[in-house]
């Protein structure tokens, strides 16, 4: 498993920006955006992989993982 898989990747539509916005809370502050949802997700995955690599090169510890917390099922119970 890649270390980048330890981090949740979220792509959502922004009414304000009229585009898809990708983010990885806890790891990437900022993210990417665009009009194609799949392209935004692919770019976000690349950004997360690069960010993990930069942490390793700089010798910094990675932030706590955010994946594996079953967010999708927890959100269903809220709706």
PDB file of N, CA and C in Angstrom:
ATOM      1  N   UNK A   1       0.844  -1.181   0.000  1.00  0.00           N
ATOM      2  CA  UNK A   1       0.000   0.000   0.000  1.00  0.00           C
ATOM      3  C   UNK A   1       0.891   1.247   0.000  1.00  0.00           C
ATOM      4  N   UNK A   2       0.495   2.195  -0.812  1.00  0.00           N
ATOM      5  CA  UNK A   2       1.209   3.480  -0.840  1.00  0.00           C
ATOM      6  C   UNK A   2       0.876   4.269   0.419  1.00  0.00           C
ATOM      7  N   UNK A   3       1.837   5.041   0.899  1.00  0.00           N
ATOM      8  CA  UNK A   3       1.563   5.895   2.071  1.00  0.00           C
ATOM      9  C   UNK A   3       0.474   6.917   1.764  1.00  0.00           C
ATOM     10  N   UNK A   4       0.363   7.319   0.504  1.00  0.00           N
ATOM     11  CA  UNK A   4      -0.666   8.301   0.134  1.00  0.00           C
ATOM     12  C   UNK A   4      -2.074   7.752   0.361  1.00  0.00           C
ATOM     13  N   UNK A   5      -2.210   6.427   0.400  1.00  0.00           N
ATOM     14  CA  UNK A   5      -3.513   5.817   0.635  1.00  0.00           C
ATOM     15  C   UNK A   5      -3.991   6.015   2.077  1.00  0.00           C
ATOM     16  N   UNK A   6      -3.107   6.477   2.934  1.00  0.00           N
ATOM     17  CA  UNK A   6      -3.479   6.719   4.330  1.00  0.00           C
ATOM     18  C   UNK A   6      -4.280   8.005   4.514  1.00  0.00           C
ATOM     19  N   UNK A   7      -4.428   8.770   3.436  1.00  0.00           N
ATOM     20  CA  UNK A   7      -5.070  10.084   3.543  1.00  0.00           C
ATOM     21  C   UNK A   7      -6.322  10.161   2.684  1.00  0.00           C
ATOM     22  N   UNK A   8      -7.420  10.572   3.310  1.00  0.00           N
ATOM     23  CA  UNK A   8      -8.692  10.738   2.604  1.00  0.00           C
ATOM     24  C   UNK A   8      -8.548  11.813   1.537  1.00  0.00           C
ATOM     25  N   UNK A   9      -9.173  11.568   0.406  1.00  0.00           N
ATOM     26  CA  UNK A   9      -9.156  12.518  -0.703  1.00  0.00           C
ATOM     27  C   UNK A   9     -10.606  12.849  -1.024  1.00  0.00           C
ATOM     28  N   UNK A  10     -10.931  14.128  -0.991  1.00  0.00           N
ATOM     29  CA  UNK A  10     -12.315  14.564  -1.176  1.00  0.00           C
ATOM     30  C   UNK A  10     -12.410  15.470  -2.391  1.00  0.00           C
ATOM     31  N   UNK A  11     -13.362  15.156  -3.269  1.00  0.00           N
ATOM     32  CA  UNK A  11     -13.670  16.012  -4.409  1.00  0.00           C
ATOM     33  C   UNK A  11     -15.144  16.359  -4.294  1.00  0.00           C
ATOM     34  N   UNK A  12     -15.437  17.644  -4.259  1.00  0.00           N
ATOM     35  CA  UNK A  12     -16.825  18.081  -4.134  1.00  0.00           C
ATOM     36  C   UNK A  12     -17.087  19.290  -5.020  1.00  0.00           C
ATOM     37  N   UNK A  13     -18.346  19.452  -5.383  1.00  0.00           N
ATOM     38  CA  UNK A  13     -18.754  20.571  -6.221  1.00  0.00           C
ATOM     39  C   UNK A  13     -18.862  21.828  -5.373  1.00  0.00           C
ATOM     40  N   UNK A  14     -18.334  22.928  -5.865  1.00  0.00           N
ATOM     41  CA  UNK A  14     -18.438  24.219  -5.187  1.00  0.00           C
ATOM     42  C   UNK A  14     -19.372  25.121  -5.988  1.00  0.00           C
ATOM     43  N   UNK A  15     -20.527  25.413  -5.420  1.00  0.00           N
ATOM     44  CA  UNK A  15     -21.463  26.337  -6.077  1.00  0.00           C
ATOM     45  C   UNK A  15     -20.829  27.709  -6.241  1.00  0.00           C
ATOM     46  N   UNK A  16     -20.126  28.142  -5.204  1.00  0.00           N
ATOM     47  CA  UNK A  16     -19.500  29.462  -5.228  1.00  0.00           C
ATOM     48  C   UNK A  16     -18.495  29.594  -6.373  1.00  0.00           C
ATOM     49  N   UNK A  17     -17.685  28.554  -6.559  1.00  0.00           N
ATOM     50  CA  UNK A  17     -16.635  28.597  -7.573  1.00  0.00           C
ATOM     51  C   UNK A  17     -17.077  28.011  -8.914  1.00  0.00           C
ATOM     52  N   UNK A  18     -18.214  27.305  -8.902  1.00  0.00           N
ATOM     53  CA  UNK A  18     -18.732  26.645 -10.105  1.00  0.00           C
ATOM     54  C   UNK A  18     -17.719  25.675 -10.710  1.00  0.00           C
ATOM     55  N   UNK A  19     -17.109  24.886  -9.815  1.00  0.00           N
ATOM     56  CA  UNK A  19     -16.172  23.858 -10.262  1.00  0.00           C
ATOM     57  C   UNK A  19     -16.015  22.826  -9.141  1.00  0.00           C
ATOM     58  N   UNK A  20     -15.330  21.729  -9.476  1.00  0.00           N
ATOM     59  CA  UNK A  20     -15.009  20.721  -8.476  1.00  0.00           C
ATOM     60  C   UNK A  20     -13.753  21.149  -7.730  1.00  0.00           C
ATOM     61  N   UNK A  21     -13.743  20.897  -6.428  1.00  0.00           N
ATOM     62  CA  UNK A  21     -12.605  21.258  -5.587  1.00  0.00           C
ATOM     63  C   UNK A  21     -12.119  19.986  -4.888  1.00  0.00           C
ATOM     64  N   UNK A  22     -10.815  19.741  -4.970  1.00  0.00           N
ATOM     65  CA  UNK A  22     -10.226  18.574  -4.328  1.00  0.00           C
ATOM     66  C   UNK A  22      -9.398  18.980  -3.129  1.00  0.00           C
ATOM     67  N   UNK A  23      -9.506  18.190  -2.060  1.00  0.00           N
ATOM     68  CA  UNK A  23      -8.731  18.472  -0.860  1.00  0.00           C
ATOM     69  C   UNK A  23      -8.397  17.167  -0.133  1.00  0.00           C
ATOM     70  N   UNK A  24      -7.412  17.247   0.725  1.00  0.00           N
ATOM     71  CA  UNK A  24      -7.031  16.120   1.563  1.00  0.00           C
ATOM     72  C   UNK A  24      -6.821  16.663   2.977  1.00  0.00           C
ATOM     73  N   UNK A  25      -7.929  16.772   3.730  1.00  0.00           N
ATOM     74  CA  UNK A  25      -7.858  17.368   5.071  1.00  0.00           C
ATOM     75  C   UNK A  25      -6.786  16.702   5.945  1.00  0.00           C
ATOM     76  N   UNK A  26      -6.066  17.537   6.656  1.00  0.00           N
ATOM     77  CA  UNK A  26      -5.029  17.038   7.551  1.00  0.00           C
ATOM     78  C   UNK A  26      -3.680  16.877   6.895  1.00  0.00           C
ATOM     79  N   UNK A  27      -3.647  16.905   5.551  1.00  0.00           N
ATOM     80  CA  UNK A  27      -2.373  16.726   4.859  1.00  0.00           C
ATOM     81  C   UNK A  27      -2.091  17.896   3.920  1.00  0.00           C
ATOM     82  N   UNK A  28      -3.052  18.235   3.088  1.00  0.00           N
ATOM     83  CA  UNK A  28      -2.875  19.281   2.084  1.00  0.00           C
ATOM     84  C   UNK A  28      -3.835  20.423   2.401  1.00  0.00           C
ATOM     85  N   UNK A  29      -3.289  21.564   2.717  1.00  0.00           N
ATOM     86  CA  UNK A  29      -4.115  22.747   2.956  1.00  0.00           C
ATOM     87  C   UNK A  29      -4.149  23.517   1.653  1.00  0.00           C
ATOM     88  N   UNK A  30      -5.292  23.566   1.055  1.00  0.00           N
ATOM     89  CA  UNK A  30      -5.438  24.058  -0.305  1.00  0.00           C
ATOM     90  C   UNK A  30      -5.907  22.874  -1.112  1.00  0.00           C
ATOM     91  N   UNK A  31      -5.405  22.707  -2.296  1.00  0.00           N
ATOM     92  CA  UNK A  31      -5.798  21.555  -3.087  1.00  0.00           C
ATOM     93  C   UNK A  31      -5.779  21.896  -4.555  1.00  0.00           C
ATOM     94  N   UNK A  32      -6.803  21.432  -5.265  1.00  0.00           N
ATOM     95  CA  UNK A  32      -6.882  21.658  -6.696  1.00  0.00           C
ATOM     96  C   UNK A  32      -8.341  21.847  -7.083  1.00  0.00           C
ATOM     97  N   UNK A  33      -8.559  22.305  -8.298  1.00  0.00           N
ATOM     98  CA  UNK A  33      -9.927  22.520  -8.757  1.00  0.00           C
ATOM     99  C   UNK A  33      -9.993  22.407 -10.275  1.00  0.00           C
ATOM    100  N   UNK A  34     -11.213  22.214 -10.785  1.00  0.00           N
ATOM    101  CA  UNK A  34     -11.411  22.123 -12.222  1.00  0.00           C
ATOM    102  C   UNK A  34     -12.840  21.744 -12.543  1.00  0.00           C
ATOM    103  N   UNK A  35     -13.141  21.665 -13.825  1.00  0.00           N
ATOM    104  CA  UNK A  35     -14.508  21.372 -14.255  1.00  0.00           C
ATOM    105  C   UNK A  35     -14.767  19.888 -14.470  1.00  0.00           C
ATOM    106  N   UNK A  36     -13.721  19.078 -14.482  1.00  0.00           N
ATOM    107  CA  UNK A  36     -13.852  17.632 -14.681  1.00  0.00           C
ATOM    108  C   UNK A  36     -13.559  16.925 -13.365  1.00  0.00           C
ATOM    109  N   UNK A  37     -14.571  16.283 -12.800  1.00  0.00           N
ATOM    110  CA  UNK A  37     -14.458  15.645 -11.490  1.00  0.00           C
ATOM    111  C   UNK A  37     -13.345  14.593 -11.447  1.00  0.00           C
ATOM    112  N   UNK A  38     -13.247  13.786 -12.467  1.00  0.00           N
ATOM    113  CA  UNK A  38     -12.232  12.727 -12.490  1.00  0.00           C
ATOM    114  C   UNK A  38     -10.835  13.320 -12.607  1.00  0.00           C
ATOM    115  N   UNK A  39     -10.676  14.336 -13.442  1.00  0.00           N
ATOM    116  CA  UNK A  39      -9.371  14.987 -13.588  1.00  0.00           C
ATOM    117  C   UNK A  39      -8.938  15.630 -12.269  1.00  0.00           C
ATOM    118  N   UNK A  40      -9.884  16.222 -11.547  1.00  0.00           N
ATOM    119  CA  UNK A  40      -9.563  16.837 -10.251  1.00  0.00           C
ATOM    120  C   UNK A  40      -9.112  15.758  -9.273  1.00  0.00           C
ATOM    121  N   UNK A  41      -9.796  14.606  -9.261  1.00  0.00           N
ATOM    122  CA  UNK A  41      -9.400  13.528  -8.358  1.00  0.00           C
ATOM    123  C   UNK A  41      -8.005  13.014  -8.703  1.00  0.00           C
ATOM    124  N   UNK A  42      -7.732  12.832  -9.993  1.00  0.00           N
ATOM    125  CA  UNK A  42      -6.410  12.360 -10.406  1.00  0.00           C
ATOM    126  C   UNK A  42      -5.317  13.353 -10.001  1.00  0.00           C
ATOM    127  N   UNK A  43      -5.590  14.646 -10.188  1.00  0.00           N
ATOM    128  CA  UNK A  43      -4.614  15.666  -9.787  1.00  0.00           C
ATOM    129  C   UNK A  43      -4.413  15.657  -8.273  1.00  0.00           C
ATOM    130  N   UNK A  44      -5.511  15.501  -7.541  1.00  0.00           N
ATOM    131  CA  UNK A  44      -5.428  15.456  -6.081  1.00  0.00           C
ATOM    132  C   UNK A  44      -4.584  14.269  -5.623  1.00  0.00           C
ATOM    133  N   UNK A  45      -4.775  13.114  -6.237  1.00  0.00           N
ATOM    134  CA  UNK A  45      -3.964  11.940  -5.876  1.00  0.00           C
ATOM    135  C   UNK A  45      -2.487  12.229  -6.104  1.00  0.00           C
ATOM    136  N   UNK A  46      -2.182  12.874  -7.207  1.00  0.00           N
ATOM    137  CA  UNK A  46      -0.796  13.233  -7.511  1.00  0.00           C
ATOM    138  C   UNK A  46      -0.244  14.213  -6.456  1.00  0.00           C
ATOM    139  N   UNK A  47      -1.038  15.200  -6.087  1.00  0.00           N
ATOM    140  CA  UNK A  47      -0.629  16.187  -5.078  1.00  0.00           C
ATOM    141  C   UNK A  47      -0.358  15.501  -3.734  1.00  0.00           C
ATOM    142  N   UNK A  48      -1.224  14.577  -3.356  1.00  0.00           N
ATOM    143  CA  UNK A  48      -1.047  13.861  -2.085  1.00  0.00           C
ATOM    144  C   UNK A  48       0.240  13.038  -2.121  1.00  0.00           C
ATOM    145  N   UNK A  49       0.488  12.341  -3.240  1.00  0.00           N
ATOM    146  CA  UNK A  49       1.719  11.558  -3.355  1.00  0.00           C
ATOM    147  C   UNK A  49       2.951  12.458  -3.264  1.00  0.00           C
ATOM    148  N   UNK A  50       2.918  13.606  -3.946  1.00  0.00           N
ATOM    149  CA  UNK A  50       4.043  14.542  -3.891  1.00  0.00           C
ATOM    150  C   UNK A  50       4.245  15.094  -2.483  1.00  0.00           C
ATOM    151  N   UNK A  51       3.153  15.380  -1.800  1.00  0.00           N
ATOM    152  CA  UNK A  51       3.237  15.919  -0.448  1.00  0.00           C
ATOM    153  C   UNK A  51       3.872  14.909   0.500  1.00  0.00           C
ATOM    154  N   UNK A  52       3.457  13.653   0.409  1.00  0.00           N
ATOM    155  CA  UNK A  52       4.045  12.597   1.238  1.00  0.00           C
ATOM    156  C   UNK A  52       5.541  12.481   0.944  1.00  0.00           C
ATOM    157  N   UNK A  53       5.905  12.534  -0.332  1.00  0.00           N
ATOM    158  CA  UNK A  53       7.320  12.453  -0.713  1.00  0.00           C
ATOM    159  C   UNK A  53       8.116  13.623  -0.139  1.00  0.00           C
ATOM    160  N   UNK A  54       7.538  14.819  -0.166  1.00  0.00           N
ATOM    161  CA  UNK A  54       8.221  15.988   0.395  1.00  0.00           C
ATOM    162  C   UNK A  54       8.433  15.860   1.903  1.00  0.00           C
ATOM    163  N   UNK A  55       7.431  15.321   2.596  1.00  0.00           N
ATOM    164  CA  UNK A  55       7.601  15.082   4.034  1.00  0.00           C
ATOM    165  C   UNK A  55       8.794  14.156   4.258  1.00  0.00           C
ATOM    166  N   UNK A  56       8.900  13.099   3.454  1.00  0.00           N
ATOM    167  CA  UNK A  56       9.981  12.126   3.605  1.00  0.00           C
ATOM    168  C   UNK A  56      11.340  12.768   3.308  1.00  0.00           C
ATOM    169  N   UNK A  57      11.434  13.539   2.217  1.00  0.00           N
ATOM    170  CA  UNK A  57      12.692  14.197   1.839  1.00  0.00           C
ATOM    171  C   UNK A  57      13.139  15.166   2.928  1.00  0.00           C
ATOM    172  N   UNK A  58      12.169  15.889   3.517  1.00  0.00           N
ATOM    173  CA  UNK A  58      12.480  16.869   4.555  1.00  0.00           C
ATOM    174  C   UNK A  58      12.715  16.218   5.919  1.00  0.00           C
ATOM    175  N   UNK A  59      12.463  14.903   6.022  1.00  0.00           N
ATOM    176  CA  UNK A  59      12.666  14.203   7.287  1.00  0.00           C
ATOM    177  C   UNK A  59      11.620  14.540   8.337  1.00  0.00           C
ATOM    178  N   UNK A  60      10.469  15.021   7.897  1.00  0.00           N
ATOM    179  CA  UNK A  60       9.399  15.380   8.833  1.00  0.00           C
ATOM    180  C   UNK A  60       8.431  14.214   8.993  1.00  0.00           C
ATOM    181  N   UNK A  61       7.871  14.058  10.186  1.00  0.00           N
ATOM    182  CA  UNK A  61       6.871  13.000  10.375  1.00  0.00           C
ATOM    183  C   UNK A  61       5.575  13.376   9.658  1.00  0.00           C
ATOM    184  N   UNK A  62       4.925  12.374   9.091  1.00  0.00           N
ATOM    185  CA  UNK A  62       3.649  12.604   8.420  1.00  0.00           C
ATOM    186  C   UNK A  62       2.556  12.888   9.446  1.00  0.00           C
ATOM    187  N   UNK A  63       1.560  13.686   9.073  1.00  0.00           N
ATOM    188  CA  UNK A  63       0.416  13.901   9.956  1.00  0.00           C
ATOM    189  C   UNK A  63      -0.331  12.577  10.165  1.00  0.00           C
ATOM    190  N   UNK A  64      -1.171  12.493  11.181  1.00  0.00           N
ATOM    191  CA  UNK A  64      -1.943  11.265  11.407  1.00  0.00           C
ATOM    192  C   UNK A  64      -2.795  10.930  10.180  1.00  0.00           C
ATOM    193  N   UNK A  65      -2.935   9.652   9.862  1.00  0.00           N
ATOM    194  CA  UNK A  65      -3.763   9.233   8.722  1.00  0.00           C
ATOM    195  C   UNK A  65      -5.220   9.690   8.883  1.00  0.00           C
ATOM    196  N   UNK A  66      -5.855   9.927   7.745  1.00  0.00           N
ATOM    197  CA  UNK A  66      -7.269  10.320   7.768  1.00  0.00           C
ATOM    198  C   UNK A  66      -8.161   9.320   7.050  1.00  0.00           C
ATOM    199  N   UNK A  67      -7.589   8.318   6.386  1.00  0.00           N
ATOM    200  CA  UNK A  67      -8.427   7.310   5.732  1.00  0.00           C
ATOM    201  C   UNK A  67      -8.712   6.180   6.709  1.00  0.00           C
ATOM    202  N   UNK A  68      -9.643   5.328   6.328  1.00  0.00           N
ATOM    203  CA  UNK A  68      -9.983   4.185   7.170  1.00  0.00           C
ATOM    204  C   UNK A  68     -10.871   4.527   8.337  1.00  0.00           C
ATOM    205  N   UNK A  69     -11.460   5.699   8.292  1.00  0.00           N
ATOM    206  CA  UNK A  69     -12.335   6.110   9.391  1.00  0.00           C
ATOM    207  C   UNK A  69     -13.805   5.951   9.041  1.00  0.00           C
ATOM    208  N   UNK A  70     -14.071   5.353   7.885  1.00  0.00           N
ATOM    209  CA  UNK A  70     -15.435   5.026   7.459  1.00  0.00           C
ATOM    210  C   UNK A  70     -16.330   6.256   7.379  1.00  0.00           C
ATOM    211  N   UNK A  71     -15.789   7.353   6.829  1.00  0.00           N
ATOM    212  CA  UNK A  71     -16.546   8.593   6.714  1.00  0.00           C
ATOM    213  C   UNK A  71     -17.837   8.426   5.929  1.00  0.00           C
ATOM    214  N   UNK A  72     -17.794   7.648   4.848  1.00  0.00           N
ATOM    215  CA  UNK A  72     -18.979   7.510   3.987  1.00  0.00           C
ATOM    216  C   UNK A  72     -20.162   6.956   4.770  1.00  0.00           C
ATOM    217  N   UNK A  73     -19.951   5.901   5.539  1.00  0.00           N
ATOM    218  CA  UNK A  73     -21.051   5.342   6.304  1.00  0.00           C
ATOM    219  C   UNK A  73     -21.489   6.244   7.446  1.00  0.00           C
ATOM    220  N   UNK A  74     -20.549   6.946   8.043  1.00  0.00           N
ATOM    221  CA  UNK A  74     -20.914   7.863   9.114  1.00  0.00           C
ATOM    222  C   UNK A  74     -21.759   9.012   8.576  1.00  0.00           C
ATOM    223  N   UNK A  75     -21.438   9.477   7.369  1.00  0.00           N
ATOM    224  CA  UNK A  75     -22.202  10.582   6.768  1.00  0.00           C
ATOM    225  C   UNK A  75     -23.621  10.142   6.425  1.00  0.00           C
ATOM    226  N   UNK A  76     -23.808   8.886   6.056  1.00  0.00           N
ATOM    227  CA  UNK A  76     -25.141   8.395   5.742  1.00  0.00           C
ATOM    228  C   UNK A  76     -26.051   8.474   6.947  1.00  0.00           C
ATOM    229  N   UNK A  77     -25.501   8.274   8.123  1.00  0.00           N
ATOM    230  CA  UNK A  77     -26.296   8.313   9.349  1.00  0.00           C
ATOM    231  C   UNK A  77     -26.689   9.756   9.716  1.00  0.00           C
ATOM    232  N   UNK A  78     -25.968  10.726   9.185  1.00  0.00           N
ATOM    233  CA  UNK A  78     -26.256  12.129   9.481  1.00  0.00           C
ATOM    234  C   UNK A  78     -27.377  12.629   8.579  1.00  0.00           C
ATOM    235  N   UNK A  79     -27.366  12.181   7.332  1.00  0.00           N
ATOM    236  CA  UNK A  79     -28.318  12.676   6.330  1.00  0.00           C
ATOM    237  C   UNK A  79     -29.727  12.229   6.592  1.00  0.00           C
TER     238      UNK A  79
END
